Amino acid sequence: MFDHPKLICPDCGEAVDATNQSRHPLHEMPRREFLQKAGKAAVAVAVTPLLNIASPLVARETGETAETMVKRLRDTLTEAQKKAVLLPWNDPRRLRVDNNWSVVPQRLGEFYSREQQTIIQEILKGVTSEEGYEKILRAMQDDMGGLGNYSACLFSDGDEKLAFILTGRHQTIRADGGAEKNAMFGGPIFYGHAVTFNERPDHPGNVWWHQARLASKVFHTLDGKQQKLALVLRDSPADNPATIRLQGENGKFAGIPVSELSRDQKTLVEEVMRSLLEPYRQSDVERVMVTVRANGGLDKLHLSFYQDGDLPDKDGIWDRWKLEGPSFVWYFRGSPHVHAWINIANGANI
């Protein structure tokens, strides 16, 4: 079902498709109506009542939720498969995140049956928006030769808790039905894309580069005093999971507090937030924004731009920036290609 090109390693010492280095034009699809409504409602955190959490978005082809399909995937596993990819709930890999790793060594296109591969595709559809699904597949093709070269497994406590995780170059994607109750998305997640390893300054074809343009738009509306607060005069944080450790209410955050922005500037921050969340299903967007609001709203977040982030030609587009608060971290690194680290929870212990 999936293609299996031979892989070599241009990044992080792991397998990547070496044959797919051509550039692809970035086709910006129209926003789906439900995402427009959900996103606009979700980011109005200071003035709207708590959202009613919708039931999980169903996969578009089967009509099932992602979590239902996770159970179906488990039920199709043979005994030999269970020994390899059905792991205990307390296995530390369940909450691990990284920019290039395999939760298990088995590749989807080699280890799973055609029926199981279809289920896995439907799980991915079920946790993403239509636009997000298409962009993730495009990034997977460029980064690792397609979905079939990624890995996935399940974690179970033997009772009600069941989680799915998909990993590979530039992806950590989860579905757990809220079993990890404190965590959004089931735990920390990661997305990225490299059309080529060292992308040009305008990142042609990169499916996530528009997020950097939007964040930079905020920076250019700041006056001199605000820019001084927003600009962090040290190198950007390391490209590893420690960078998204949640600090809680007593944390010390770099950058400018969103509370110090004007109404128009806050509107632009809301636009950035919508863009960051648009790849994901509506129910997860809503859960994230309820959590943000419960922890003080957008005014509790800080936006920082790092001095080494206007790369490589000082073009005014910030490659490295972070939106962070007590229980929210979204760290974007756009050079030499895009890496984005995310950790959002109801508290500070995920």
C-alpha atoms as a PDB file:
ATOM      1  CA  MET A   1       0.000   0.000   0.000  1.00  0.00           C
ATOM      2  CA  PHE A   2       2.827   2.402   0.873  1.00  0.00           C
ATOM      3  CA  ASP A   3       5.937   3.089  -1.225  1.00  0.00           C
ATOM      4  CA  HIS A   4       9.300   1.996   0.218  1.00  0.00           C
ATOM      5  CA  PRO A   5      12.190   3.972  -1.335  1.00  0.00           C
ATOM      6  CA  LYS A   6      15.707   3.217  -0.083  1.00  0.00           C
ATOM      7  CA  LEU A   7      16.607   5.570   2.724  1.00  0.00           C
ATOM      8  CA  ILE A   8      19.825   7.345   3.694  1.00  0.00           C
ATOM      9  CA  CYS A   9      20.568   9.912   6.353  1.00  0.00           C
ATOM     10  CA  PRO A  10      20.862  13.654   5.585  1.00  0.00           C
ATOM     11  CA  ASP A  11      19.654  14.752   9.046  1.00  0.00           C
ATOM     12  CA  CYS A  12      19.979  13.658  12.666  1.00  0.00           C
ATOM     13  CA  GLY A  13      21.726  10.398  11.775  1.00  0.00           C
ATOM     14  CA  GLU A  14      18.524   8.598  10.837  1.00  0.00           C
ATOM     15  CA  ALA A  15      16.721   7.369   7.753  1.00  0.00           C
ATOM     16  CA  VAL A  16      15.335   9.874   5.275  1.00  0.00           C
ATOM     17  CA  ASP A  17      14.313   9.601   1.640  1.00  0.00           C
ATOM     18  CA  ALA A  18      17.331  10.648  -0.408  1.00  0.00           C
ATOM     19  CA  THR A  19      15.599  10.617  -3.765  1.00  0.00           C
ATOM     20  CA  ASN A  20      12.928  13.221  -3.085  1.00  0.00           C
ATOM     21  CA  GLN A  21      14.729  16.570  -2.942  1.00  0.00           C
ATOM     22  CA  SER A  22      12.702  18.427  -5.552  1.00  0.00           C
ATOM     23  CA  ARG A  23      10.795  21.530  -4.572  1.00  0.00           C
ATOM     24  CA  HIS A  24       7.042  21.506  -4.543  1.00  0.00           C
ATOM     25  CA  PRO A  25       4.935  24.652  -4.869  1.00  0.00           C
ATOM     26  CA  LEU A  26       3.077  25.611  -1.727  1.00  0.00           C
ATOM     27  CA  HIS A  27      -0.632  25.440  -2.480  1.00  0.00           C
ATOM     28  CA  GLU A  28      -2.513  27.339   0.207  1.00  0.00           C
ATOM     29  CA  MET A  29      -5.917  25.719   0.417  1.00  0.00           C
ATOM     30  CA  PRO A  30      -8.992  27.687   1.486  1.00  0.00           C
ATOM     31  CA  ARG A  31      -9.791  27.347   5.175  1.00  0.00           C
ATOM     32  CA  ARG A  32     -12.650  25.007   5.831  1.00  0.00           C
ATOM     33  CA  GLU A  33     -15.718  26.713   7.245  1.00  0.00           C
ATOM     34  CA  PHE A  34     -15.694  24.753  10.477  1.00  0.00           C
ATOM     35  CA  LEU A  35     -12.073  25.696  11.140  1.00  0.00           C
ATOM     36  CA  GLN A  36     -12.828  29.351  10.551  1.00  0.00           C
ATOM     37  CA  LYS A  37     -15.645  29.241  13.070  1.00  0.00           C
ATOM     38  CA  ALA A  38     -13.855  27.084  15.602  1.00  0.00           C
ATOM     39  CA  GLY A  39     -10.622  29.020  15.397  1.00  0.00           C
ATOM     40  CA  LYS A  40     -12.224  32.448  15.690  1.00  0.00           C
ATOM     41  CA  ALA A  41     -14.367  31.378  18.593  1.00  0.00           C
ATOM     42  CA  ALA A  42     -11.544  29.566  20.340  1.00  0.00           C
ATOM     43  CA  VAL A  43      -9.094  32.437  20.375  1.00  0.00           C
ATOM     44  CA  ALA A  44     -11.541  34.937  21.844  1.00  0.00           C
ATOM     45  CA  VAL A  45     -10.408  33.720  25.230  1.00  0.00           C
ATOM     46  CA  ALA A  46     -11.038  36.841  27.237  1.00  0.00           C
ATOM     47  CA  VAL A  47     -14.603  37.562  26.224  1.00  0.00           C
ATOM     48  CA  THR A  48     -16.358  34.281  25.464  1.00  0.00           C
ATOM     49  CA  PRO A  49     -17.859  31.690  27.827  1.00  0.00           C
ATOM     50  CA  LEU A  50     -16.390  28.207  28.019  1.00  0.00           C
ATOM     51  CA  LEU A  51     -16.880  26.282  24.824  1.00  0.00           C
ATOM     52  CA  ASN A  52     -18.965  23.152  24.734  1.00  0.00           C
ATOM     53  CA  ILE A  53     -16.409  20.501  23.860  1.00  0.00           C
ATOM     54  CA  ALA A  54     -17.530  18.818  20.666  1.00  0.00           C
ATOM     55  CA  SER A  55     -17.273  15.084  20.240  1.00  0.00           C
ATOM     56  CA  PRO A  56     -14.042  14.095  18.467  1.00  0.00           C
ATOM     57  CA  LEU A  57     -14.012  14.879  14.787  1.00  0.00           C
ATOM     58  CA  VAL A  58     -14.819  11.729  12.844  1.00  0.00           C
ATOM     59  CA  ALA A  59     -12.538  10.428  10.145  1.00  0.00           C
ATOM     60  CA  ARG A  60     -13.799  11.636   6.812  1.00  0.00           C
ATOM     61  CA  GLU A  61     -14.027   8.296   5.058  1.00  0.00           C
ATOM     62  CA  THR A  62     -15.089   5.789   7.719  1.00  0.00           C
ATOM     63  CA  GLY A  63     -17.306   7.966   9.915  1.00  0.00           C
ATOM     64  CA  GLU A  64     -15.467   6.715  13.011  1.00  0.00           C
ATOM     65  CA  THR A  65     -13.530   8.684  15.585  1.00  0.00           C
ATOM     66  CA  ALA A  66      -9.763   8.336  15.673  1.00  0.00           C
ATOM     67  CA  GLU A  67     -10.032   6.678  19.095  1.00  0.00           C
ATOM     68  CA  THR A  68     -12.526   4.098  17.833  1.00  0.00           C
ATOM     69  CA  MET A  69     -10.139   3.260  15.035  1.00  0.00           C
ATOM     70  CA  VAL A  70      -7.262   2.923  17.507  1.00  0.00           C
ATOM     71  CA  LYS A  71      -9.287   0.211  19.240  1.00  0.00           C
ATOM     72  CA  ARG A  72     -10.021  -1.388  15.885  1.00  0.00           C
ATOM     73  CA  LEU A  73      -6.316  -1.408  15.059  1.00  0.00           C
ATOM     74  CA  ARG A  74      -5.583  -3.145  18.364  1.00  0.00           C
ATOM     75  CA  ASP A  75      -8.229  -5.761  17.664  1.00  0.00           C
ATOM     76  CA  THR A  76      -6.648  -6.636  14.300  1.00  0.00           C
ATOM     77  CA  LEU A  77      -3.176  -7.290  15.720  1.00  0.00           C
ATOM     78  CA  THR A  78      -1.857 -10.825  15.608  1.00  0.00           C
ATOM     79  CA  GLU A  79      -0.136 -12.240  18.657  1.00  0.00           C
ATOM     80  CA  ALA A  80       3.242 -11.689  17.023  1.00  0.00           C
ATOM     81  CA  GLN A  81       2.351  -8.076  16.263  1.00  0.00           C
ATOM     82  CA  LYS A  82       1.187  -7.486  19.819  1.00  0.00           C
ATOM     83  CA  LYS A  83       4.569  -8.550  21.148  1.00  0.00           C
ATOM     84  CA  ALA A  84       6.230  -5.960  18.922  1.00  0.00           C
ATOM     85  CA  VAL A  85       3.921  -2.932  18.987  1.00  0.00           C
ATOM     86  CA  LEU A  86       1.458  -3.250  21.892  1.00  0.00           C
ATOM     87  CA  LEU A  87       3.419  -1.705  24.749  1.00  0.00           C
ATOM     88  CA  PRO A  88       2.585  -1.148  28.440  1.00  0.00           C
ATOM     89  CA  TRP A  89       1.027   2.154  29.432  1.00  0.00           C
ATOM     90  CA  ASN A  90       3.929   3.102  31.694  1.00  0.00           C
ATOM     91  CA  ASP A  91       6.522   2.693  28.947  1.00  0.00           C
ATOM     92  CA  PRO A  92       8.419   6.032  28.797  1.00  0.00           C
ATOM     93  CA  ARG A  93       8.128   6.116  25.015  1.00  0.00           C
ATOM     94  CA  ARG A  94       4.431   6.936  25.334  1.00  0.00           C
ATOM     95  CA  LEU A  95       5.180  10.537  26.336  1.00  0.00           C
ATOM     96  CA  ARG A  96       8.468  10.950  24.502  1.00  0.00           C
ATOM     97  CA  VAL A  97       8.807  13.569  21.769  1.00  0.00           C
ATOM     98  CA  ASP A  98      11.700  14.237  19.423  1.00  0.00           C
ATOM     99  CA  ASN A  99      12.444  15.709  16.037  1.00  0.00           C
ATOM    100  CA  ASN A 100      13.520  12.440  14.405  1.00  0.00           C
ATOM    101  CA  TRP A 101      12.836   9.139  16.079  1.00  0.00           C
ATOM    102  CA  SER A 102      11.016   5.822  15.711  1.00  0.00           C
ATOM    103  CA  VAL A 103       8.854   4.661  18.571  1.00  0.00           C
ATOM    104  CA  VAL A 104       9.428   1.107  17.323  1.00  0.00           C
ATOM    105  CA  PRO A 105      11.722  -0.042  14.500  1.00  0.00           C
ATOM    106  CA  GLN A 106       8.971  -1.584  12.365  1.00  0.00           C
ATOM    107  CA  ARG A 107       7.870   0.529   9.383  1.00  0.00           C
ATOM    108  CA  LEU A 108       4.174   0.902   8.656  1.00  0.00           C
ATOM    109  CA  GLY A 109       4.423  -0.244   5.046  1.00  0.00           C
ATOM    110  CA  GLU A 110       6.336  -3.416   5.928  1.00  0.00           C
ATOM    111  CA  PHE A 111       4.941  -4.511   9.275  1.00  0.00           C
ATOM    112  CA  TYR A 112       1.206  -3.868   9.063  1.00  0.00           C
ATOM    113  CA  SER A 113      -1.325  -5.532   6.770  1.00  0.00           C
ATOM    114  CA  ARG A 114      -3.110  -3.535   4.081  1.00  0.00           C
ATOM    115  CA  GLU A 115      -6.205  -3.369   6.305  1.00  0.00           C
ATOM    116  CA  GLN A 116      -4.126  -2.103   9.225  1.00  0.00           C
ATOM    117  CA  GLN A 117      -2.365   0.452   7.038  1.00  0.00           C
ATOM    118  CA  THR A 118      -5.771   1.789   5.990  1.00  0.00           C
ATOM    119  CA  ILE A 119      -6.827   2.046   9.637  1.00  0.00           C
ATOM    120  CA  ILE A 120      -3.642   3.967  10.473  1.00  0.00           C
ATOM    121  CA  GLN A 121      -4.305   6.405   7.632  1.00  0.00           C
ATOM    122  CA  GLU A 122      -7.830   6.910   8.984  1.00  0.00           C
ATOM    123  CA  ILE A 123      -6.467   7.545  12.499  1.00  0.00           C
ATOM    124  CA  LEU A 124      -4.218  10.242  11.041  1.00  0.00           C
ATOM    125  CA  LYS A 125      -7.183  11.758   9.217  1.00  0.00           C
ATOM    126  CA  GLY A 126      -9.214  11.586  12.398  1.00  0.00           C
ATOM    127  CA  VAL A 127      -6.811  13.713  14.466  1.00  0.00           C
ATOM    128  CA  THR A 128      -6.235  16.355  11.782  1.00  0.00           C
ATOM    129  CA  SER A 129      -8.194  18.840   9.729  1.00  0.00           C
ATOM    130  CA  GLU A 130      -8.516  18.247   5.992  1.00  0.00           C
ATOM    131  CA  GLU A 131      -5.848  20.842   5.261  1.00  0.00           C
ATOM    132  CA  GLY A 132      -3.627  19.588   8.069  1.00  0.00           C
ATOM    133  CA  TYR A 133      -3.829  16.002   6.824  1.00  0.00           C
ATOM    134  CA  GLU A 134      -2.799  16.985   3.308  1.00  0.00           C
ATOM    135  CA  LYS A 135       0.098  19.127   4.541  1.00  0.00           C
ATOM    136  CA  ILE A 136       1.363  16.419   6.897  1.00  0.00           C
ATOM    137  CA  LEU A 137       1.296  13.839   4.096  1.00  0.00           C
ATOM    138  CA  ARG A 138       3.173  16.237   1.812  1.00  0.00           C
ATOM    139  CA  ALA A 139       5.798  16.830   4.507  1.00  0.00           C
ATOM    140  CA  MET A 140       6.106  13.084   5.151  1.00  0.00           C
ATOM    141  CA  GLN A 141       6.748  12.478   1.474  1.00  0.00           C
ATOM    142  CA  ASP A 142       9.528  15.055   1.352  1.00  0.00           C
ATOM    143  CA  ASP A 143      11.019  14.098   4.709  1.00  0.00           C
ATOM    144  CA  MET A 144      10.976  10.315   4.684  1.00  0.00           C
ATOM    145  CA  GLY A 145       9.548   9.041   1.417  1.00  0.00           C
ATOM    146  CA  GLY A 146       5.959   8.803   2.624  1.00  0.00           C
ATOM    147  CA  LEU A 147       3.808   7.494   5.444  1.00  0.00           C
ATOM    148  CA  GLY A 148       4.868   3.895   4.864  1.00  0.00           C
ATOM    149  CA  ASN A 149       8.348   4.663   6.190  1.00  0.00           C
ATOM    150  CA  TYR A 150       7.079   5.995   9.525  1.00  0.00           C
ATOM    151  CA  SER A 151       6.433   3.857  12.601  1.00  0.00           C
ATOM    152  CA  ALA A 152       3.466   3.462  14.922  1.00  0.00           C
ATOM    153  CA  CYS A 153       2.509   1.476  17.977  1.00  0.00           C
ATOM    154  CA  LEU A 154      -0.062   1.240  20.757  1.00  0.00           C
ATOM    155  CA  PHE A 155       0.178   1.608  24.532  1.00  0.00           C
ATOM    156  CA  SER A 156      -2.323  -0.074  26.830  1.00  0.00           C
ATOM    157  CA  ASP A 157      -2.922  -0.523  30.552  1.00  0.00           C
ATOM    158  CA  GLY A 158      -4.827  -3.716  29.837  1.00  0.00           C
ATOM    159  CA  ASP A 159      -8.123  -2.021  30.657  1.00  0.00           C
ATOM    160  CA  GLU A 160      -9.618   1.221  29.344  1.00  0.00           C
ATOM    161  CA  LYS A 161      -6.517   3.241  28.548  1.00  0.00           C
ATOM    162  CA  LEU A 162      -5.270   2.910  24.994  1.00  0.00           C
ATOM    163  CA  ALA A 163      -3.004   5.287  23.092  1.00  0.00           C
ATOM    164  CA  PHE A 164      -1.646   5.426  19.546  1.00  0.00           C
ATOM    165  CA  ILE A 165       1.584   7.188  18.563  1.00  0.00           C
ATOM    166  CA  LEU A 166       3.061   7.736  15.107  1.00  0.00           C
ATOM    167  CA  THR A 167       6.685   8.845  14.746  1.00  0.00           C
ATOM    168  CA  GLY A 168       9.426   9.425  12.219  1.00  0.00           C
ATOM    169  CA  ARG A 169      11.393  12.307  10.807  1.00  0.00           C
ATOM    170  CA  HIS A 170       9.646  15.564  11.751  1.00  0.00           C
ATOM    171  CA  GLN A 171       6.548  13.920  13.246  1.00  0.00           C
ATOM    172  CA  THR A 172       5.222  12.883  16.643  1.00  0.00           C
ATOM    173  CA  ILE A 173       1.435  12.408  16.462  1.00  0.00           C
ATOM    174  CA  ARG A 174      -0.829  10.908  19.121  1.00  0.00           C
ATOM    175  CA  ALA A 175      -4.388   9.738  19.716  1.00  0.00           C
ATOM    176  CA  ASP A 176      -5.410   8.584  23.186  1.00  0.00           C
ATOM    177  CA  GLY A 177      -9.031   9.645  23.651  1.00  0.00           C
ATOM    178  CA  GLY A 178      -8.098  11.899  26.556  1.00  0.00           C
ATOM    179  CA  ALA A 179      -6.654   9.048  28.614  1.00  0.00           C
ATOM    180  CA  GLU A 180      -3.729  11.283  29.568  1.00  0.00           C
ATOM    181  CA  LYS A 181      -6.215  13.714  31.076  1.00  0.00           C
ATOM    182  CA  ASN A 182      -3.814  16.513  31.867  1.00  0.00           C
ATOM    183  CA  ALA A 183      -2.278  16.683  28.391  1.00  0.00           C
ATOM    184  CA  MET A 184      -3.546  18.193  25.167  1.00  0.00           C
ATOM    185  CA  PHE A 185      -2.950  15.998  22.104  1.00  0.00           C
ATOM    186  CA  GLY A 186      -2.170  13.085  24.444  1.00  0.00           C
ATOM    187  CA  GLY A 187       1.263  14.531  25.281  1.00  0.00           C
ATOM    188  CA  PRO A 188       3.977  16.654  23.665  1.00  0.00           C
ATOM    189  CA  ILE A 189       3.924  16.647  19.861  1.00  0.00           C
ATOM    190  CA  PHE A 190       6.214  17.702  17.037  1.00  0.00           C
ATOM    191  CA  TYR A 191       5.859  18.670  13.394  1.00  0.00           C
ATOM    192  CA  GLY A 192       8.328  19.843  10.772  1.00  0.00           C
ATOM    193  CA  HIS A 193       9.218  19.842   7.103  1.00  0.00           C
ATOM    194  CA  ALA A 194      12.350  20.011   4.967  1.00  0.00           C
ATOM    195  CA  VAL A 195      11.790  20.377   1.246  1.00  0.00           C
ATOM    196  CA  THR A 196      15.580  20.392   1.154  1.00  0.00           C
ATOM    197  CA  PHE A 197      17.840  20.265   4.214  1.00  0.00           C
ATOM    198  CA  ASN A 198      19.113  23.843   3.796  1.00  0.00           C
ATOM    199  CA  GLU A 199      16.095  25.729   2.525  1.00  0.00           C
ATOM    200  CA  ARG A 200      16.298  29.112   0.851  1.00  0.00           C
ATOM    201  CA  PRO A 201      15.296  32.165   2.948  1.00  0.00           C
ATOM    202  CA  ASP A 202      11.739  32.177   1.555  1.00  0.00           C
ATOM    203  CA  HIS A 203      11.404  28.406   2.157  1.00  0.00           C
ATOM    204  CA  PRO A 204       9.652  27.595  -1.150  1.00  0.00           C
ATOM    205  CA  GLY A 205       7.300  24.651  -0.810  1.00  0.00           C
ATOM    206  CA  ASN A 206       7.519  24.376   2.978  1.00  0.00           C
ATOM    207  CA  VAL A 207       4.022  23.668   4.235  1.00  0.00           C
ATOM    208  CA  TRP A 208       4.574  25.373   7.614  1.00  0.00           C
ATOM    209  CA  TRP A 209       6.535  28.492   6.668  1.00  0.00           C
ATOM    210  CA  HIS A 210       3.402  30.692   6.596  1.00  0.00           C
ATOM    211  CA  GLN A 211       3.376  30.404  10.405  1.00  0.00           C
ATOM    212  CA  ALA A 212       6.738  32.202  10.586  1.00  0.00           C
ATOM    213  CA  ARG A 213       5.427  34.942   8.305  1.00  0.00           C
ATOM    214  CA  LEU A 214       2.441  35.498  10.581  1.00  0.00           C
ATOM    215  CA  ALA A 215       4.560  35.644  13.744  1.00  0.00           C
ATOM    216  CA  SER A 216       6.933  38.084  12.033  1.00  0.00           C
ATOM    217  CA  LYS A 217       3.943  40.244  11.131  1.00  0.00           C
ATOM    218  CA  VAL A 218       3.303  40.658  14.853  1.00  0.00           C
ATOM    219  CA  PHE A 219       6.914  41.712  15.456  1.00  0.00           C
ATOM    220  CA  HIS A 220       6.759  44.413  12.791  1.00  0.00           C
ATOM    221  CA  THR A 221       3.729  46.029  14.442  1.00  0.00           C
ATOM    222  CA  LEU A 222       5.647  46.517  17.699  1.00  0.00           C
ATOM    223  CA  ASP A 223       7.032  49.914  18.585  1.00  0.00           C
ATOM    224  CA  GLY A 224      10.646  50.356  19.681  1.00  0.00           C
ATOM    225  CA  LYS A 225       9.997  49.667  23.349  1.00  0.00           C
ATOM    226  CA  GLN A 226       7.909  46.600  22.578  1.00  0.00           C
ATOM    227  CA  GLN A 227      10.490  45.215  20.162  1.00  0.00           C
ATOM    228  CA  LYS A 228      13.149  45.587  22.833  1.00  0.00           C
ATOM    229  CA  LEU A 229      11.016  43.439  25.154  1.00  0.00           C
ATOM    230  CA  ALA A 230      10.188  40.894  22.471  1.00  0.00           C
ATOM    231  CA  LEU A 231      13.733  40.420  21.164  1.00  0.00           C
ATOM    232  CA  VAL A 232      15.790  37.947  23.179  1.00  0.00           C
ATOM    233  CA  LEU A 233      19.477  38.858  22.953  1.00  0.00           C
ATOM    234  CA  ARG A 234      20.802  35.346  23.199  1.00  0.00           C
ATOM    235  CA  ASP A 235      20.834  32.392  20.888  1.00  0.00           C
ATOM    236  CA  SER A 236      17.617  30.452  20.476  1.00  0.00           C
ATOM    237  CA  PRO A 237      16.913  27.484  22.782  1.00  0.00           C
ATOM    238  CA  ALA A 238      18.219  24.052  21.941  1.00  0.00           C
ATOM    239  CA  ASP A 239      16.437  21.901  19.397  1.00  0.00           C
ATOM    240  CA  ASN A 240      15.368  19.255  21.900  1.00  0.00           C
ATOM    241  CA  PRO A 241      12.469  18.300  24.208  1.00  0.00           C
ATOM    242  CA  ALA A 242      13.858  20.185  27.219  1.00  0.00           C
ATOM    243  CA  THR A 243      12.964  23.426  25.467  1.00  0.00           C
ATOM    244  CA  ILE A 244       9.247  22.749  25.916  1.00  0.00           C
ATOM    245  CA  ARG A 245       9.280  21.894  29.601  1.00  0.00           C
ATOM    246  CA  LEU A 246       6.248  23.539  31.206  1.00  0.00           C
ATOM    247  CA  GLN A 247       7.156  26.081  33.873  1.00  0.00           C
ATOM    248  CA  GLY A 248       3.832  26.633  35.620  1.00  0.00           C
ATOM    249  CA  GLU A 249       2.584  29.799  37.295  1.00  0.00           C
ATOM    250  CA  ASN A 250       5.969  30.666  38.799  1.00  0.00           C
ATOM    251  CA  GLY A 251       7.848  30.335  35.541  1.00  0.00           C
ATOM    252  CA  LYS A 252      10.129  32.973  34.078  1.00  0.00           C
ATOM    253  CA  PHE A 253       9.252  33.660  30.468  1.00  0.00           C
ATOM    254  CA  ALA A 254      11.295  35.471  27.850  1.00  0.00           C
ATOM    255  CA  GLY A 255       9.819  37.974  25.421  1.00  0.00           C
ATOM    256  CA  ILE A 256       6.930  40.398  25.586  1.00  0.00           C
ATOM    257  CA  PRO A 257       3.772  39.585  27.552  1.00  0.00           C
ATOM    258  CA  VAL A 258       0.766  39.489  25.259  1.00  0.00           C
ATOM    259  CA  SER A 259      -1.010  41.539  27.944  1.00  0.00           C
ATOM    260  CA  GLU A 260       1.166  44.515  26.965  1.00  0.00           C
ATOM    261  CA  LEU A 261       0.037  44.493  23.340  1.00  0.00           C
ATOM    262  CA  SER A 262      -2.632  46.714  21.848  1.00  0.00           C
ATOM    263  CA  ARG A 263      -5.975  45.299  20.757  1.00  0.00           C
ATOM    264  CA  ASP A 264      -4.847  45.226  17.109  1.00  0.00           C
ATOM    265  CA  GLN A 265      -1.609  43.488  18.041  1.00  0.00           C
ATOM    266  CA  LYS A 266      -3.488  40.919  20.108  1.00  0.00           C
ATOM    267  CA  THR A 267      -5.693  40.253  17.098  1.00  0.00           C
ATOM    268  CA  LEU A 268      -2.564  39.359  15.140  1.00  0.00           C
ATOM    269  CA  VAL A 269      -1.423  37.033  17.938  1.00  0.00           C
ATOM    270  CA  GLU A 270      -4.836  35.383  17.715  1.00  0.00           C
ATOM    271  CA  GLU A 271      -4.250  34.953  13.983  1.00  0.00           C
ATOM    272  CA  VAL A 272      -0.937  33.227  14.742  1.00  0.00           C
ATOM    273  CA  MET A 273      -2.718  30.971  17.228  1.00  0.00           C
ATOM    274  CA  ARG A 274      -5.366  30.044  14.650  1.00  0.00           C
ATOM    275  CA  SER A 275      -2.658  29.185  12.137  1.00  0.00           C
ATOM    276  CA  LEU A 276      -0.804  27.012  14.650  1.00  0.00           C
ATOM    277  CA  LEU A 277      -3.955  25.080  15.536  1.00  0.00           C
ATOM    278  CA  GLU A 278      -5.520  24.763  12.083  1.00  0.00           C
ATOM    279  CA  PRO A 279      -3.829  21.452  11.215  1.00  0.00           C
ATOM    280  CA  TYR A 280      -5.664  19.671  14.029  1.00  0.00           C
ATOM    281  CA  ARG A 281      -9.198  18.423  14.535  1.00  0.00           C
ATOM    282  CA  GLN A 282     -11.797  20.783  15.917  1.00  0.00           C
ATOM    283  CA  SER A 283     -12.224  19.032  19.255  1.00  0.00           C
ATOM    284  CA  ASP A 284      -8.496  19.330  20.013  1.00  0.00           C
ATOM    285  CA  VAL A 285      -8.523  23.017  19.005  1.00  0.00           C
ATOM    286  CA  GLU A 286     -11.347  23.587  21.467  1.00  0.00           C
ATOM    287  CA  ARG A 287      -9.627  21.659  24.269  1.00  0.00           C
ATOM    288  CA  VAL A 288      -6.448  23.660  23.798  1.00  0.00           C
ATOM    289  CA  MET A 289      -8.245  26.978  23.989  1.00  0.00           C
ATOM    290  CA  VAL A 290     -10.269  25.971  27.042  1.00  0.00           C
ATOM    291  CA  THR A 291      -6.951  25.098  28.703  1.00  0.00           C
ATOM    292  CA  VAL A 292      -5.371  28.398  27.646  1.00  0.00           C
ATOM    293  CA  ARG A 293      -8.340  30.268  29.053  1.00  0.00           C
ATOM    294  CA  ALA A 294      -8.282  28.280  32.313  1.00  0.00           C
ATOM    295  CA  ASN A 295      -4.656  29.339  32.736  1.00  0.00           C
ATOM    296  CA  GLY A 296      -5.302  33.052  32.280  1.00  0.00           C
ATOM    297  CA  GLY A 297      -5.955  33.383  28.552  1.00  0.00           C
ATOM    298  CA  LEU A 298      -3.719  34.833  25.866  1.00  0.00           C
ATOM    299  CA  ASP A 299      -2.684  37.614  28.239  1.00  0.00           C
ATOM    300  CA  LYS A 300      -0.678  35.035  30.220  1.00  0.00           C
ATOM    301  CA  LEU A 301       1.395  34.104  27.186  1.00  0.00           C
ATOM    302  CA  HIS A 302       4.701  35.660  26.140  1.00  0.00           C
ATOM    303  CA  LEU A 303       5.978  36.033  22.581  1.00  0.00           C
ATOM    304  CA  SER A 304       9.732  35.960  22.041  1.00  0.00           C
ATOM    305  CA  PHE A 305      11.936  36.385  18.977  1.00  0.00           C
ATOM    306  CA  TYR A 306      15.555  35.207  19.170  1.00  0.00           C
ATOM    307  CA  GLN A 307      18.492  37.260  17.911  1.00  0.00           C
ATOM    308  CA  ASP A 308      19.739  34.380  15.757  1.00  0.00           C
ATOM    309  CA  GLY A 309      16.258  33.925  14.330  1.00  0.00           C
ATOM    310  CA  ASP A 310      16.255  36.503  11.507  1.00  0.00           C
ATOM    311  CA  LEU A 311      18.229  34.165   9.300  1.00  0.00           C
ATOM    312  CA  PRO A 312      20.022  33.852   7.009  1.00  0.00           C
ATOM    313  CA  ASP A 313      19.855  37.200   5.246  1.00  0.00           C
ATOM    314  CA  LYS A 314      18.146  39.554   7.720  1.00  0.00           C
ATOM    315  CA  ASP A 315      14.997  39.551   5.593  1.00  0.00           C
ATOM    316  CA  GLY A 316      12.696  40.530   8.468  1.00  0.00           C
ATOM    317  CA  ILE A 317      11.084  37.076   8.725  1.00  0.00           C
ATOM    318  CA  TRP A 318      11.886  35.520  12.075  1.00  0.00           C
ATOM    319  CA  ASP A 319      12.947  31.913  11.786  1.00  0.00           C
ATOM    320  CA  ARG A 320      13.051  31.216  15.522  1.00  0.00           C
ATOM    321  CA  TRP A 321      10.378  32.312  17.965  1.00  0.00           C
ATOM    322  CA  LYS A 322       8.335  30.998  20.854  1.00  0.00           C
ATOM    323  CA  LEU A 323       4.836  31.498  22.252  1.00  0.00           C
ATOM    324  CA  GLU A 324       4.877  30.403  25.884  1.00  0.00           C
ATOM    325  CA  GLY A 325       2.933  30.569  29.131  1.00  0.00           C
ATOM    326  CA  PRO A 326       2.493  28.607  32.372  1.00  0.00           C
ATOM    327  CA  SER A 327       1.054  25.503  30.686  1.00  0.00           C
ATOM    328  CA  PHE A 328       1.670  26.252  27.008  1.00  0.00           C
ATOM    329  CA  VAL A 329       4.808  26.126  24.840  1.00  0.00           C
ATOM    330  CA  TRP A 330       4.958  26.389  21.052  1.00  0.00           C
ATOM    331  CA  TYR A 331       8.547  26.682  19.865  1.00  0.00           C
ATOM    332  CA  PHE A 332       9.149  27.307  16.144  1.00  0.00           C
ATOM    333  CA  ARG A 333      12.592  26.883  14.547  1.00  0.00           C
ATOM    334  CA  GLY A 334      12.608  27.763  10.863  1.00  0.00           C
ATOM    335  CA  SER A 335      16.248  27.318   9.964  1.00  0.00           C
ATOM    336  CA  PRO A 336      17.713  25.456   8.190  1.00  0.00           C
ATOM    337  CA  HIS A 337      14.187  24.043   7.777  1.00  0.00           C
ATOM    338  CA  VAL A 338      11.108  23.912  10.016  1.00  0.00           C
ATOM    339  CA  HIS A 339      11.008  22.206  13.415  1.00  0.00           C
ATOM    340  CA  ALA A 340       8.101  22.938  15.779  1.00  0.00           C
ATOM    341  CA  TRP A 341       7.872  21.662  19.361  1.00  0.00           C
ATOM    342  CA  ILE A 342       4.563  21.739  21.269  1.00  0.00           C
ATOM    343  CA  ASN A 343       3.622  20.985  24.863  1.00  0.00           C
ATOM    344  CA  ILE A 344       0.240  22.040  26.280  1.00  0.00           C
ATOM    345  CA  ALA A 345      -1.346  20.772  29.477  1.00  0.00           C
ATOM    346  CA  ASN A 346      -3.755  21.631  32.267  1.00  0.00           C
ATOM    347  CA  GLY A 347      -0.810  21.983  34.632  1.00  0.00           C
ATOM    348  CA  ALA A 348       2.962  21.896  34.572  1.00  0.00           C
ATOM    349  CA  ASN A 349       3.728  18.200  34.842  1.00  0.00           C
ATOM    350  CA  ILE A 350       3.628  16.927  31.229  1.00  0.00           C
END
